[in-house]
């Protein structure tokens, strides 16, 4: 059974949002890899200086309980343990002189470290 049915009924507050800019960057990266079977997995793991750490990576796996969302053809997977920490989070891609990379604006984070890689 796929989790696509769950995906369609997920509300904005219970799921993540991938901006158009971030979706475009993911598409470009997947094209460079020559893979169309990968999803962008967003996970939360214990660690970092604030207690929890974000992980973003390409994944071909489908885990039991995954919430899989589609943003303009880009599949985003969130495992069932990470989903409560990421509800309402927005993933964007920034490309400026000062910074280049994916950013996560998470309304669930109580605070974060100076480097922005971890939160509590």
Protein backbone atom coordinates (compact mmCIF):
# COMPACT_ATOMS: atom_id res chain seq x y z
CA UNK A 1 0.00 0.00 0.00
CA UNK A 2 1.29 3.40 -0.87
CA UNK A 3 0.84 6.46 1.27
CA UNK A 4 -0.38 8.59 -1.63
CA UNK A 5 -3.94 8.45 -0.21
CA UNK A 6 -2.65 10.03 3.01
CA UNK A 7 -0.79 12.61 0.98
CA UNK A 8 -3.90 13.96 -0.67
CA UNK A 9 -5.72 14.44 2.63
CA UNK A 10 -2.77 16.00 4.50
CA UNK A 11 -3.44 19.55 5.58
CA UNK A 12 -0.99 22.42 5.38
CA UNK A 13 -0.44 22.43 9.14
CA UNK A 14 0.36 18.71 9.25
CA UNK A 15 2.75 18.57 6.31
CA UNK A 16 5.78 20.29 4.89
CA UNK A 17 5.79 22.79 2.05
CA UNK A 18 8.45 22.83 -0.66
CA UNK A 19 8.70 26.23 -2.35
CA UNK A 20 8.78 26.50 -6.13
CA UNK A 21 12.43 27.60 -5.92
CA UNK A 22 13.36 24.56 -3.83
CA UNK A 23 11.39 22.22 -6.10
CA UNK A 24 13.23 23.62 -9.12
CA UNK A 25 16.59 23.05 -7.45
CA UNK A 26 15.64 19.48 -6.52
CA UNK A 27 14.58 18.81 -10.13
CA UNK A 28 17.91 20.14 -11.38
CA UNK A 29 19.86 17.97 -8.95
CA UNK A 30 17.86 14.87 -9.89
CA UNK A 31 18.42 15.56 -13.59
CA UNK A 32 22.17 15.82 -12.92
CA UNK A 33 22.01 12.44 -11.13
CA UNK A 34 20.07 10.98 -14.05
CA UNK A 35 17.53 9.47 -11.64
CA UNK A 36 13.78 9.81 -11.64
CA UNK A 37 13.13 7.22 -8.92
CA UNK A 38 14.39 9.30 -5.99
CA UNK A 39 12.44 11.29 -3.42
CA UNK A 40 13.71 14.16 -1.33
CA UNK A 41 13.57 12.79 2.21
CA UNK A 42 13.29 15.26 5.07
CA UNK A 43 13.97 13.79 8.49
CA UNK A 44 14.61 14.88 12.04
CA UNK A 45 17.26 13.04 14.05
CA UNK A 46 18.56 13.45 17.59
CA UNK A 47 21.80 15.43 17.68
CA UNK A 48 23.25 18.81 16.97
CA UNK A 49 23.95 21.44 19.59
CA UNK A 50 20.23 22.18 20.13
CA UNK A 51 18.99 18.59 20.47
CA UNK A 52 17.48 17.80 17.04
CA UNK A 53 19.06 17.93 13.61
CA UNK A 54 17.50 18.16 10.14
CA UNK A 55 18.50 15.76 7.39
CA UNK A 56 17.70 16.30 3.72
CA UNK A 57 18.79 13.65 1.25
CA UNK A 58 17.68 11.75 -1.83
CA UNK A 59 16.18 8.37 -1.07
CA UNK A 60 14.81 5.56 -3.20
CA UNK A 61 13.25 3.76 -0.22
CA UNK A 62 9.63 3.84 0.85
CA UNK A 63 9.35 3.42 4.61
CA UNK A 64 6.28 2.17 6.43
CA UNK A 65 4.28 5.20 7.56
CA UNK A 66 5.91 7.66 5.14
CA UNK A 67 3.96 10.76 4.18
CA UNK A 68 4.78 11.39 0.52
CA UNK A 69 3.92 14.76 -0.98
CA UNK A 70 4.19 15.91 -4.60
CA UNK A 71 5.37 19.42 -5.47
CA UNK A 72 5.35 20.00 -9.24
CA UNK A 73 6.57 16.45 -9.85
CA UNK A 74 9.08 16.44 -6.99
CA UNK A 75 8.30 13.74 -4.43
CA UNK A 76 9.02 14.66 -0.80
CA UNK A 77 9.00 11.93 1.85
CA UNK A 78 8.73 12.44 5.61
CA UNK A 79 8.92 9.42 7.91
CA UNK A 80 6.27 8.95 10.59
CA UNK A 81 8.65 9.77 13.45
CA UNK A 82 9.75 13.08 11.87
CA UNK A 83 6.31 14.23 10.70
CA UNK A 84 5.19 15.71 14.08
CA UNK A 85 8.36 17.85 14.22
CA UNK A 86 7.96 19.10 10.64
CA UNK A 87 4.25 19.92 10.42
CA UNK A 88 3.89 23.34 8.78
CA UNK A 89 7.62 23.64 7.96
CA UNK A 90 8.63 25.36 4.72
CA UNK A 91 11.68 24.15 2.79
CA UNK A 92 13.21 26.74 0.50
CA UNK A 93 16.42 27.11 -1.50
CA UNK A 94 18.53 30.24 -1.08
CA UNK A 95 21.24 31.28 -3.54
CA UNK A 96 22.93 34.51 -2.48
CA UNK A 97 26.48 35.74 -2.05
CA UNK A 98 26.30 35.01 1.68
CA UNK A 99 24.61 31.61 1.53
CA UNK A 100 23.63 28.85 -0.82
CA UNK A 101 21.55 25.86 0.18
CA UNK A 102 18.26 24.56 1.45
CA UNK A 103 16.66 26.31 4.40
CA UNK A 104 13.92 25.10 6.73
CA UNK A 105 11.50 27.50 8.37
CA UNK A 106 9.92 25.37 11.09
CA UNK A 107 7.17 26.84 13.28
CA UNK A 108 7.61 23.89 15.70
CA UNK A 109 11.20 24.83 16.59
CA UNK A 110 11.46 26.44 20.01
CA UNK A 111 14.95 27.72 19.18
CA UNK A 112 17.95 26.87 17.05
CA UNK A 113 21.71 26.98 17.17
CA UNK A 114 23.79 29.77 15.63
CA UNK A 115 24.63 27.70 12.55
CA UNK A 116 20.93 26.89 11.94
CA UNK A 117 21.55 23.15 11.52
CA UNK A 118 19.78 22.04 14.68
CA UNK A 119 16.78 23.02 16.77
CA UNK A 120 14.84 22.19 19.91
